[in-house]
Structure formats: C-alpha cells, structure tokens
N, C-alpha and C. Protein backbone atom coordinates (compact mmCIF):
# COMPACT_ATOMS: atom_id res chain seq x y z
N UNK A 1 -28.41 8.90 -7.91
CA UNK A 1 -27.06 7.39 -7.75
C UNK A 1 -25.70 8.16 -7.89
N UNK A 2 -24.97 8.89 -6.95
CA UNK A 2 -24.09 9.02 -7.19
C UNK A 2 -23.50 7.90 -7.76
N UNK A 3 -22.59 8.61 -9.06
CA UNK A 3 -21.61 7.59 -9.68
C UNK A 3 -20.60 7.94 -8.87
N UNK A 4 -19.79 9.27 -8.94
CA UNK A 4 -18.70 9.75 -8.24
C UNK A 4 -17.87 8.56 -7.15
N UNK A 5 -17.07 8.10 -6.89
CA UNK A 5 -16.74 7.37 -6.04
C UNK A 5 -16.27 8.76 -4.59
N UNK A 6 -17.17 8.31 -3.36
CA UNK A 6 -16.66 9.06 -2.43
C UNK A 6 -15.71 8.48 -2.06
N UNK A 7 -14.64 9.97 -1.19
CA UNK A 7 -13.53 9.24 -1.02
C UNK A 7 -13.09 10.09 0.64
N UNK A 8 -12.89 9.57 1.34
CA UNK A 8 -12.56 10.28 3.03
C UNK A 8 -10.92 10.73 3.19
N UNK A 9 -11.41 12.22 3.19
CA UNK A 9 -10.12 12.85 3.61
C UNK A 9 -9.80 12.29 4.94
N UNK A 10 -8.13 12.34 5.21
CA UNK A 10 -7.42 11.86 6.37
C UNK A 10 -5.83 13.07 6.20
N UNK A 11 -6.58 14.07 7.39
CA UNK A 11 -5.62 15.28 7.38
C UNK A 11 -3.87 15.50 7.56
N UNK A 12 -3.64 13.63 8.29
CA UNK A 12 -2.20 13.06 8.91
C UNK A 12 -2.84 12.19 7.97
N UNK A 13 -1.87 11.42 7.28
CA UNK A 13 -1.97 10.16 7.45
C UNK A 13 -0.79 9.14 8.13
N UNK A 14 0.08 9.92 9.01
CA UNK A 14 0.79 8.87 9.41
C UNK A 14 -0.52 9.07 10.81
N UNK A 15 -0.75 9.22 11.51
CA UNK A 15 -1.65 9.67 12.83
C UNK A 15 -3.05 7.97 12.35
N UNK A 16 -3.50 8.68 11.01
CA UNK A 16 -4.41 7.77 10.72
C UNK A 16 -4.01 6.01 10.64
N UNK A 17 -2.47 5.99 10.44
CA UNK A 17 -2.43 4.41 9.75
C UNK A 17 -2.53 4.35 10.78
N UNK A 18 -1.07 4.61 11.20
CA UNK A 18 -0.49 3.82 13.43
C UNK A 18 -1.95 3.12 13.34
N UNK A 19 -1.11 1.68 14.13
CA UNK A 19 -2.19 0.72 14.82
C UNK A 19 -1.51 -0.35 13.28
N UNK A 20 -2.81 -1.16 14.01
CA UNK A 20 -3.05 -3.13 12.87
C UNK A 20 -4.58 -3.42 12.02
N UNK A 21 -3.32 -3.26 10.50
CA UNK A 21 -4.57 -3.66 9.71
C UNK A 21 -4.80 -5.27 9.23
N UNK A 22 -6.30 -5.56 9.01
CA UNK A 22 -5.81 -6.59 8.16
C UNK A 22 -6.29 -6.26 7.08
N UNK A 23 -4.94 -7.17 6.33
CA UNK A 23 -5.00 -7.11 4.39
C UNK A 23 -5.10 -7.93 4.26
N UNK A 24 -5.94 -7.94 3.16
CA UNK A 24 -5.89 -8.86 1.86
C UNK A 24 -5.56 -8.54 0.35
N UNK A 25 -5.08 -8.93 -0.41
CA UNK A 25 -4.46 -8.13 -1.60
C UNK A 25 -4.24 -9.50 -2.79
N UNK A 26 -5.13 -9.03 -3.48
CA UNK A 26 -4.91 -9.76 -4.83
C UNK A 26 -4.33 -9.69 -6.32
N UNK A 27 -2.94 -10.57 -6.38
CA UNK A 27 -2.69 -9.98 -7.62
C UNK A 27 -2.49 -11.22 -8.71
N UNK A 28 -2.45 -9.98 -10.19
CA UNK A 28 -3.41 -10.82 -11.09
C UNK A 28 -1.53 -10.56 -11.50
N UNK A 29 -1.61 -10.80 -12.76
CA UNK A 29 -0.23 -11.23 -14.07
C UNK A 29 -1.27 -11.63 -15.26
N UNK A 30 -1.11 -9.86 -15.62
CA UNK A 30 -1.66 -9.22 -16.88
C UNK A 30 -1.44 -10.13 -18.73
N UNK A 31 0.26 -10.43 -18.10
CA UNK A 31 0.78 -11.36 -19.44
C UNK A 31 0.00 -12.46 -19.53
N UNK A 32 -0.20 -13.10 -18.61
CA UNK A 32 -0.47 -14.98 -18.76
C UNK A 32 -1.62 -15.25 -17.93
N UNK A 33 -2.20 -14.27 -16.98
CA UNK A 33 -3.34 -14.71 -16.72
C UNK A 33 -3.34 -15.30 -15.33
N UNK A 34 -2.04 -15.38 -14.86
CA UNK A 34 -2.13 -16.02 -13.39
C UNK A 34 -2.52 -15.03 -12.28
N UNK A 35 -3.34 -15.35 -11.41
CA UNK A 35 -3.88 -15.24 -10.45
C UNK A 35 -2.82 -15.52 -8.51
N UNK A 36 -2.34 -14.54 -7.92
CA UNK A 36 -2.06 -14.97 -6.71
C UNK A 36 -2.90 -14.44 -5.09
N UNK A 37 -2.60 -14.80 -3.91
CA UNK A 37 -3.64 -14.09 -3.33
C UNK A 37 -2.89 -13.85 -1.90
N UNK A 38 -2.41 -12.80 -1.28
CA UNK A 38 -1.45 -12.56 0.27
C UNK A 38 -3.02 -12.29 1.02
N UNK A 39 -3.10 -13.00 2.42
CA UNK A 39 -3.20 -12.62 3.31
C UNK A 39 -2.92 -12.54 5.00
N UNK A 40 -2.93 -10.96 5.28
CA UNK A 40 -2.10 -10.75 6.04
C UNK A 40 -2.98 -9.80 7.07
N UNK A 41 -1.83 -9.15 7.88
CA UNK A 41 -1.66 -8.45 8.41
C UNK A 41 -0.51 -7.34 8.36
N UNK A 42 -1.09 -5.73 8.72
CA UNK A 42 0.32 -5.40 8.43
C UNK A 42 0.03 -4.18 10.14
N UNK A 43 1.78 -3.56 10.83
CA UNK A 43 1.47 -3.17 11.92
C UNK A 43 2.51 -1.76 12.01
N UNK A 44 1.40 -0.54 11.43
CA UNK A 44 2.13 0.56 11.70
C UNK A 44 2.57 1.29 13.32
N UNK A 45 4.06 0.73 13.38
CA UNK A 45 3.97 1.23 14.65
C UNK A 45 5.40 1.90 14.82
N UNK A 46 5.71 2.75 15.62
CA UNK A 46 5.94 4.17 15.98
C UNK A 46 7.81 4.38 15.69
N UNK A 47 8.18 4.58 14.69
CA UNK A 47 9.87 4.88 14.93
C UNK A 47 9.99 5.92 16.03
N UNK A 48 10.94 5.61 17.03
CA UNK A 48 11.82 6.61 17.94
C UNK A 48 12.20 8.03 17.46
N UNK A 49 12.68 8.04 16.06
CA UNK A 49 12.75 9.13 15.20
C UNK A 49 11.93 10.33 14.30
N UNK A 50 11.04 9.62 14.38
CA UNK A 50 9.45 9.86 14.10
C UNK A 50 8.99 9.10 12.62
N UNK A 51 7.77 9.24 12.72
CA UNK A 51 7.30 8.08 11.21
C UNK A 51 6.88 7.17 11.73
N UNK A 52 6.04 5.87 11.14
CA UNK A 52 5.56 4.71 11.26
C UNK A 52 6.77 3.49 10.19
N UNK A 53 6.89 2.25 11.29
CA UNK A 53 7.38 1.70 10.61
C UNK A 53 6.50 0.11 10.24
N UNK A 54 6.25 -0.06 9.42
CA UNK A 54 5.40 -0.30 8.32
C UNK A 54 5.78 -2.43 8.35
N UNK A 55 5.12 -2.96 9.30
CA UNK A 55 5.69 -4.73 9.17
C UNK A 55 4.24 -5.45 8.07
N UNK A 56 4.26 -6.07 7.67
CA UNK A 56 3.78 -6.77 6.85
C UNK A 56 3.81 -7.94 6.75
N UNK A 57 2.86 -8.91 7.38
CA UNK A 57 3.35 -10.84 7.19
C UNK A 57 2.03 -11.37 7.02
N UNK A 58 1.95 -12.73 6.50
CA UNK A 58 1.26 -13.11 5.96
C UNK A 58 1.30 -14.69 5.25
N UNK A 59 0.18 -15.22 4.60
CA UNK A 59 0.75 -16.04 3.60
C UNK A 59 -0.07 -15.70 2.08
N UNK A 60 1.37 -16.47 1.23
CA UNK A 60 0.85 -15.76 -0.12
C UNK A 60 0.94 -16.74 -1.03
N UNK A 61 -0.05 -17.10 -1.84
CA UNK A 61 0.08 -18.35 -2.51
C UNK A 61 -0.14 -17.97 -4.06
N UNK A 62 0.66 -18.53 -4.55
CA UNK A 62 0.71 -18.21 -5.75
C UNK A 62 0.59 -19.65 -6.66
N UNK A 63 0.30 -20.09 -8.47
CA UNK A 63 0.69 -21.16 -8.43
C UNK A 63 -0.04 -22.57 -7.96
N UNK A 64 -0.73 -22.11 -6.78
CA UNK A 64 -1.64 -23.29 -5.64
C UNK A 64 -0.81 -23.26 -5.02
N UNK A 65 0.40 -23.13 -4.54
CA UNK A 65 1.63 -23.06 -3.90
C UNK A 65 1.82 -21.51 -2.85
N UNK A 66 1.35 -22.05 -0.70
CA UNK A 66 1.12 -21.22 0.02
C UNK A 66 2.41 -20.79 0.71
N UNK A 67 2.74 -19.68 0.55
CA UNK A 67 4.07 -19.57 1.71
C UNK A 67 4.29 -17.93 2.48
N UNK A 68 5.02 -18.29 3.45
CA UNK A 68 4.37 -16.99 4.75
C UNK A 68 5.38 -15.90 3.97
N UNK A 69 5.61 -14.79 3.78
CA UNK A 69 5.36 -13.52 3.58
C UNK A 69 5.88 -12.40 3.88
N UNK A 70 6.60 -11.54 3.93
CA UNK A 70 6.91 -10.57 5.21
C UNK A 70 7.33 -9.28 4.60
N UNK A 71 6.84 -7.96 4.69
CA UNK A 71 6.80 -6.79 3.98
C UNK A 71 7.11 -5.55 4.60
N UNK A 72 8.82 -5.13 4.71
CA UNK A 72 8.32 -3.61 5.42
C UNK A 72 8.36 -2.70 4.70
N UNK A 73 8.47 -1.10 5.14
CA UNK A 73 8.66 -0.27 4.51
C UNK A 73 8.46 0.34 5.86
N UNK A 74 9.26 2.17 5.13
CA UNK A 74 9.33 3.36 6.94
C UNK A 74 8.45 4.55 5.70
N UNK A 75 7.41 4.67 7.29
CA UNK A 75 6.13 5.92 6.78
C UNK A 75 7.33 6.96 7.06
N UNK A 76 8.13 7.46 7.19
CA UNK A 76 8.10 9.16 7.55
C UNK A 76 7.43 10.52 6.88
N UNK A 77 7.45 11.51 8.25
CA UNK A 77 6.93 12.69 7.82
C UNK A 77 7.21 13.19 6.16
N UNK A 78 6.47 13.88 5.26
CA UNK A 78 6.76 13.80 4.48
C UNK A 78 6.93 15.74 3.96
N UNK A 79 7.07 16.17 2.83
CA UNK A 79 7.24 17.16 3.24
C UNK A 79 6.29 18.27 3.79
N UNK A 80 4.91 18.20 2.97
CA UNK A 80 3.86 19.07 4.05
C UNK A 80 2.98 18.36 4.78
N UNK A 81 3.04 19.25 5.86
CA UNK A 81 2.08 18.89 7.02
C UNK A 81 0.90 18.00 6.37
N UNK A 82 1.30 16.41 7.41
CA UNK A 82 -0.64 15.42 6.95
C UNK A 82 0.29 14.24 5.96
N UNK A 83 1.72 14.71 5.21
CA UNK A 83 1.69 14.01 4.01
C UNK A 83 2.82 13.08 4.36
N UNK A 84 3.79 12.13 4.09
CA UNK A 84 4.34 10.95 4.19
C UNK A 84 5.34 10.41 3.34
N UNK A 85 6.61 10.15 3.32
CA UNK A 85 7.35 9.88 2.49
C UNK A 85 8.03 8.59 2.79
N UNK A 86 7.69 7.76 1.57
CA UNK A 86 7.45 6.16 2.04
C UNK A 86 8.85 5.54 2.13
N UNK A 87 9.58 4.62 2.43
CA UNK A 87 11.24 4.37 1.86
C UNK A 87 10.90 2.89 1.96
N UNK A 88 11.85 2.25 1.33
CA UNK A 88 11.73 0.75 1.36
C UNK A 88 12.61 0.34 2.60
N UNK A 89 12.98 -0.41 3.13
CA UNK A 89 13.82 -0.91 4.82
C UNK A 89 14.99 -0.66 4.65
N UNK A 90 15.79 -0.52 3.91
CA UNK A 90 16.79 -0.26 3.25
C UNK A 90 17.07 1.19 3.36
N UNK A 91 15.58 2.12 3.32
CA UNK A 91 16.14 3.81 2.88
C UNK A 91 16.28 4.28 1.81
N UNK A 92 16.10 3.35 0.74
CA UNK A 92 15.59 4.00 -0.24
C UNK A 92 14.21 4.60 -0.29
N UNK A 93 14.30 5.74 -1.62
CA UNK A 93 12.85 6.37 -1.41
C UNK A 93 12.28 5.32 -2.37
N UNK A 94 11.07 5.21 -1.80
CA UNK A 94 9.64 4.36 -2.70
C UNK A 94 8.71 5.35 -3.29
N UNK A 95 8.02 6.35 -2.47
CA UNK A 95 7.00 6.93 -2.93
C UNK A 95 6.29 8.18 -1.74
N UNK A 96 5.54 8.82 -2.59
CA UNK A 96 4.98 9.75 -1.42
C UNK A 96 4.44 9.66 -1.26
N UNK A 97 2.80 10.51 0.06
CA UNK A 97 1.85 9.56 -0.35
C UNK A 97 0.82 10.92 0.45
N UNK A 98 0.09 11.20 0.21
CA UNK A 98 -0.93 12.31 0.52
C UNK A 98 -2.15 12.22 0.76
N UNK A 99 -2.74 11.72 1.55
CA UNK A 99 -4.68 11.48 1.80
C UNK A 99 -5.11 12.54 2.38
N UNK A 100 -4.87 13.53 2.06
CA UNK A 100 -5.56 14.93 2.63
C UNK A 100 -7.23 14.41 1.36
N UNK A 101 -7.00 14.52 0.52
CA UNK A 101 -8.00 14.44 0.00
C UNK A 101 -8.90 13.45 -0.18
N UNK A 102 -7.95 12.52 0.57
CA UNK A 102 -9.12 10.77 0.70
C UNK A 102 -8.45 9.68 -0.88
N UNK A 103 -7.31 10.17 -1.63
CA UNK A 103 -7.63 9.74 -2.67
C UNK A 103 -6.08 10.42 -3.19
N UNK A 104 -4.66 9.34 -3.73
CA UNK A 104 -3.41 9.96 -4.25
C UNK A 104 -2.98 9.20 -5.16
N UNK A 105 -2.64 9.30 -6.15
CA UNK A 105 -1.81 8.66 -7.05
C UNK A 105 -0.54 8.85 -6.78
N UNK A 106 1.24 7.71 -7.54
CA UNK A 106 2.15 7.67 -6.69
C UNK A 106 2.33 7.05 -7.68
N UNK A 107 4.42 7.60 -8.30
CA UNK A 107 4.73 6.67 -9.27
C UNK A 107 5.68 6.41 -8.85
N UNK A 108 6.59 5.16 -9.47
CA UNK A 108 7.95 4.38 -8.55
C UNK A 108 8.73 4.05 -9.87
N UNK A 109 9.50 4.72 -10.39
CA UNK A 109 10.14 4.11 -11.78
C UNK A 109 11.38 3.05 -10.86
N UNK A 110 11.11 1.21 -11.48
CA UNK A 110 11.80 0.22 -10.56
C UNK A 110 12.62 -0.59 -11.73
N UNK A 111 13.92 -0.17 -12.46
CA UNK A 111 14.79 -0.51 -13.54
C UNK A 111 13.88 -0.01 -14.99
N UNK A 112 13.60 -0.74 -15.93
CA UNK A 112 12.59 -0.55 -16.84
C UNK A 112 11.20 -0.79 -16.82
N UNK A 113 10.53 -0.57 -15.16
CA UNK A 113 9.29 -1.16 -15.21
C UNK A 113 8.59 0.25 -14.14
N UNK A 114 7.91 0.83 -14.26
CA UNK A 114 7.47 1.72 -13.93
C UNK A 114 5.75 0.83 -12.82
N UNK A 115 5.65 1.63 -11.45
CA UNK A 115 5.13 0.93 -10.78
C UNK A 115 4.14 2.51 -10.26
N UNK A 116 2.53 2.31 -10.62
CA UNK A 116 2.04 3.47 -10.66
C UNK A 116 1.01 2.84 -9.43
N UNK A 117 1.09 4.13 -8.11
CA UNK A 117 -0.06 3.44 -7.20
C UNK A 117 -1.29 4.40 -6.96
N UNK A 118 -2.39 3.69 -6.66
CA UNK A 118 -3.43 4.72 -6.91
C UNK A 118 -3.97 4.51 -5.45
N UNK A 119 -3.75 5.05 -4.05
CA UNK A 119 -4.50 5.25 -3.03
C UNK A 119 -6.10 5.98 -3.04
N UNK A 120 -6.64 4.92 -1.89
CA UNK A 120 -7.93 5.17 -1.83
C UNK A 120 -8.58 5.26 -0.55
N UNK A 121 -9.20 6.08 0.37
CA UNK A 121 -9.35 6.09 1.73
C UNK A 121 -10.76 6.50 1.51
N UNK A 122 -11.37 4.48 1.91
CA UNK A 122 -13.19 4.98 1.78
C UNK A 122 -13.87 5.04 3.60
N UNK A 123 -12.69 4.99 4.57
CA UNK A 123 -13.98 5.70 5.62
C UNK A 123 -12.51 5.59 6.85
N UNK A 124 -13.17 5.61 8.43
CA UNK A 124 -11.94 5.51 8.65
C UNK A 124 -11.21 4.18 8.94
N UNK A 125 -11.93 3.07 8.75
CA UNK A 125 -11.02 2.10 9.06
C UNK A 125 -11.36 0.89 8.13
N UNK A 126 -11.02 1.95 6.27
CA UNK A 126 -11.39 0.87 5.08
C UNK A 126 -10.24 1.81 4.49
N UNK A 127 -8.96 1.31 3.35
CA UNK A 127 -8.79 2.04 2.25
C UNK A 127 -8.16 1.34 1.90
N UNK A 128 -7.57 1.41 0.20
CA UNK A 128 -6.94 0.38 -0.26
C UNK A 128 -5.96 0.96 -1.49
N UNK A 129 -5.29 0.11 -1.96
CA UNK A 129 -4.30 0.30 -2.74
C UNK A 129 -4.35 -0.33 -4.14
N UNK A 130 -4.43 0.33 -5.40
CA UNK A 130 -4.00 -0.40 -6.51
C UNK A 130 -2.11 -0.16 -7.01
N UNK A 131 -1.62 -1.57 -7.65
CA UNK A 131 -0.14 -1.02 -8.66
C UNK A 131 -0.76 -1.86 -9.55
N UNK A 132 -0.41 -1.38 -10.54
CA UNK A 132 -0.57 -1.48 -12.06
C UNK A 132 1.07 -1.49 -12.56
N UNK A 133 1.59 -2.17 -12.13
CA UNK A 133 3.02 -2.98 -12.45
C UNK A 133 3.37 -3.06 -13.79
N UNK A 134 4.18 -2.43 -14.97
CA UNK A 134 4.29 -2.03 -16.14
C UNK A 134 5.14 -2.48 -17.20
N UNK A 135 5.98 -3.25 -17.63
CA UNK A 135 7.44 -2.46 -18.53
C UNK A 135 8.06 -4.26 -18.91
N UNK A 136 8.92 -3.60 -19.56
CA UNK A 136 9.25 -5.47 -20.19
C UNK A 136 9.60 -6.41 -19.26
N UNK A 137 9.82 -6.40 -17.61
CA UNK A 137 10.01 -7.47 -17.25
C UNK A 137 8.59 -8.11 -16.17
N UNK A 138 7.72 -7.07 -15.85
CA UNK A 138 6.19 -7.42 -15.09
C UNK A 138 5.46 -6.67 -16.37
N UNK A 139 4.21 -7.15 -15.60
CA UNK A 139 2.39 -6.74 -16.24
C UNK A 139 1.39 -7.05 -15.27
N UNK A 140 1.93 -6.42 -14.08
CA UNK A 140 1.10 -6.85 -12.62
C UNK A 140 -0.14 -5.92 -12.55
N UNK A 141 -1.46 -6.45 -11.89
CA UNK A 141 -2.25 -5.56 -10.87
C UNK A 141 -2.36 -6.20 -9.76
N UNK A 142 -1.90 -5.46 -8.31
CA UNK A 142 -1.94 -5.58 -6.99
C UNK A 142 -3.28 -4.86 -6.13
N UNK A 143 -4.19 -5.74 -5.79
CA UNK A 143 -4.77 -4.65 -5.45
C UNK A 143 -5.00 -5.09 -4.34
N UNK A 144 -4.65 -4.47 -2.80
CA UNK A 144 -4.82 -4.67 -1.76
C UNK A 144 -5.32 -3.45 -0.66
N UNK A 145 -6.23 -4.57 0.03
CA UNK A 145 -7.47 -4.31 0.88
C UNK A 145 -7.01 -4.06 2.34
N UNK A 146 -7.41 -2.33 3.19
CA UNK A 146 -6.96 -2.57 4.67
C UNK A 146 -8.75 -2.29 5.16
N UNK A 147 -8.42 -2.91 6.78
CA UNK A 147 -9.21 -3.00 7.28
C UNK A 147 -8.98 -2.64 8.62
N UNK A 148 -8.99 -1.81 9.66
CA UNK A 148 -8.66 -1.32 10.77
C UNK A 148 -8.96 -2.02 12.10
N UNK A 149 -8.01 -3.06 12.74
CA UNK A 149 -8.44 -3.71 13.64
C UNK A 149 -8.39 -3.65 15.15
N UNK A 150 -9.55 -4.05 16.13
CA UNK A 150 -9.50 -3.45 17.48
C UNK A 150 -9.96 -1.90 17.11
C-alpha cells in the first residue's frame, strides 16, 4: 500500500481552473471548537486582460444560522509559465499559485495573523485547499474541496 499522497500535476493552473466547480468548505475555530460549513459554487471565467475572475457564491452556516456568502478573487498569469498570481477583488496581492507538481504551499500575512495555505490536486476534476490561520486574532482551519461541474 502506498502511504504517500498522490498529486495530479497541472501544467497550466489558469487553463485547469477555468469553468465551474462545486465547493464544500469546513471552518473550524481551533480556539473554541466552533465549526461552520460553506456550500456553493465557484466560477472561474476569463478576464479580458488575461487571467480568470474567481466568483464564489453559496451559503455559510455558523452557530446554526445560514446566510448567503460570496467571495471574488482574480487569478492573473504568474511570473513563470503555468503559474498564477492570486489577488483580492480590489487588486491587493493574496498569494502565488503553482500547481505544476500538483501541490503548492502559500503564505499570506494579514495584520498580525498568518494565513498558510496548502493546495493539492487529486485528479483532473478534484482539488483541495487547506488554510491554517494563526495569530492573536484568529486560530482557524479552513478545508475546501472543489469538484468540477459539467
């Protein structure tokens, strides 16, 4: 039995992500044990100037209350072929993304907290991001599974 995880190399992250993905995210507050869940979709659509617009929408449940939730990011061509430069909707840098090996680790400092994300591609139609957020304001674990639609 092979104990090593298997990753699916992605030669061009922008080409790979284009389209619609089903999203399931668990959110755990490691400080107090609270847990929440997001369920929805993410659409990666072409930007006129190159790259992809990432638009996520769905429902987030926290403390038994479900509310609509959205997020918008921009995935722009990265410094190396096949990579991406991920930015917030307002253009601020978020992180780089290089899935050519099928796995990538990114970091993003946010005030006094540090976001550390691990991205893994399982096959052409499934990938995962796991963000560990630590610092004085947050102690969270966010695990998101993406499954290609259509």
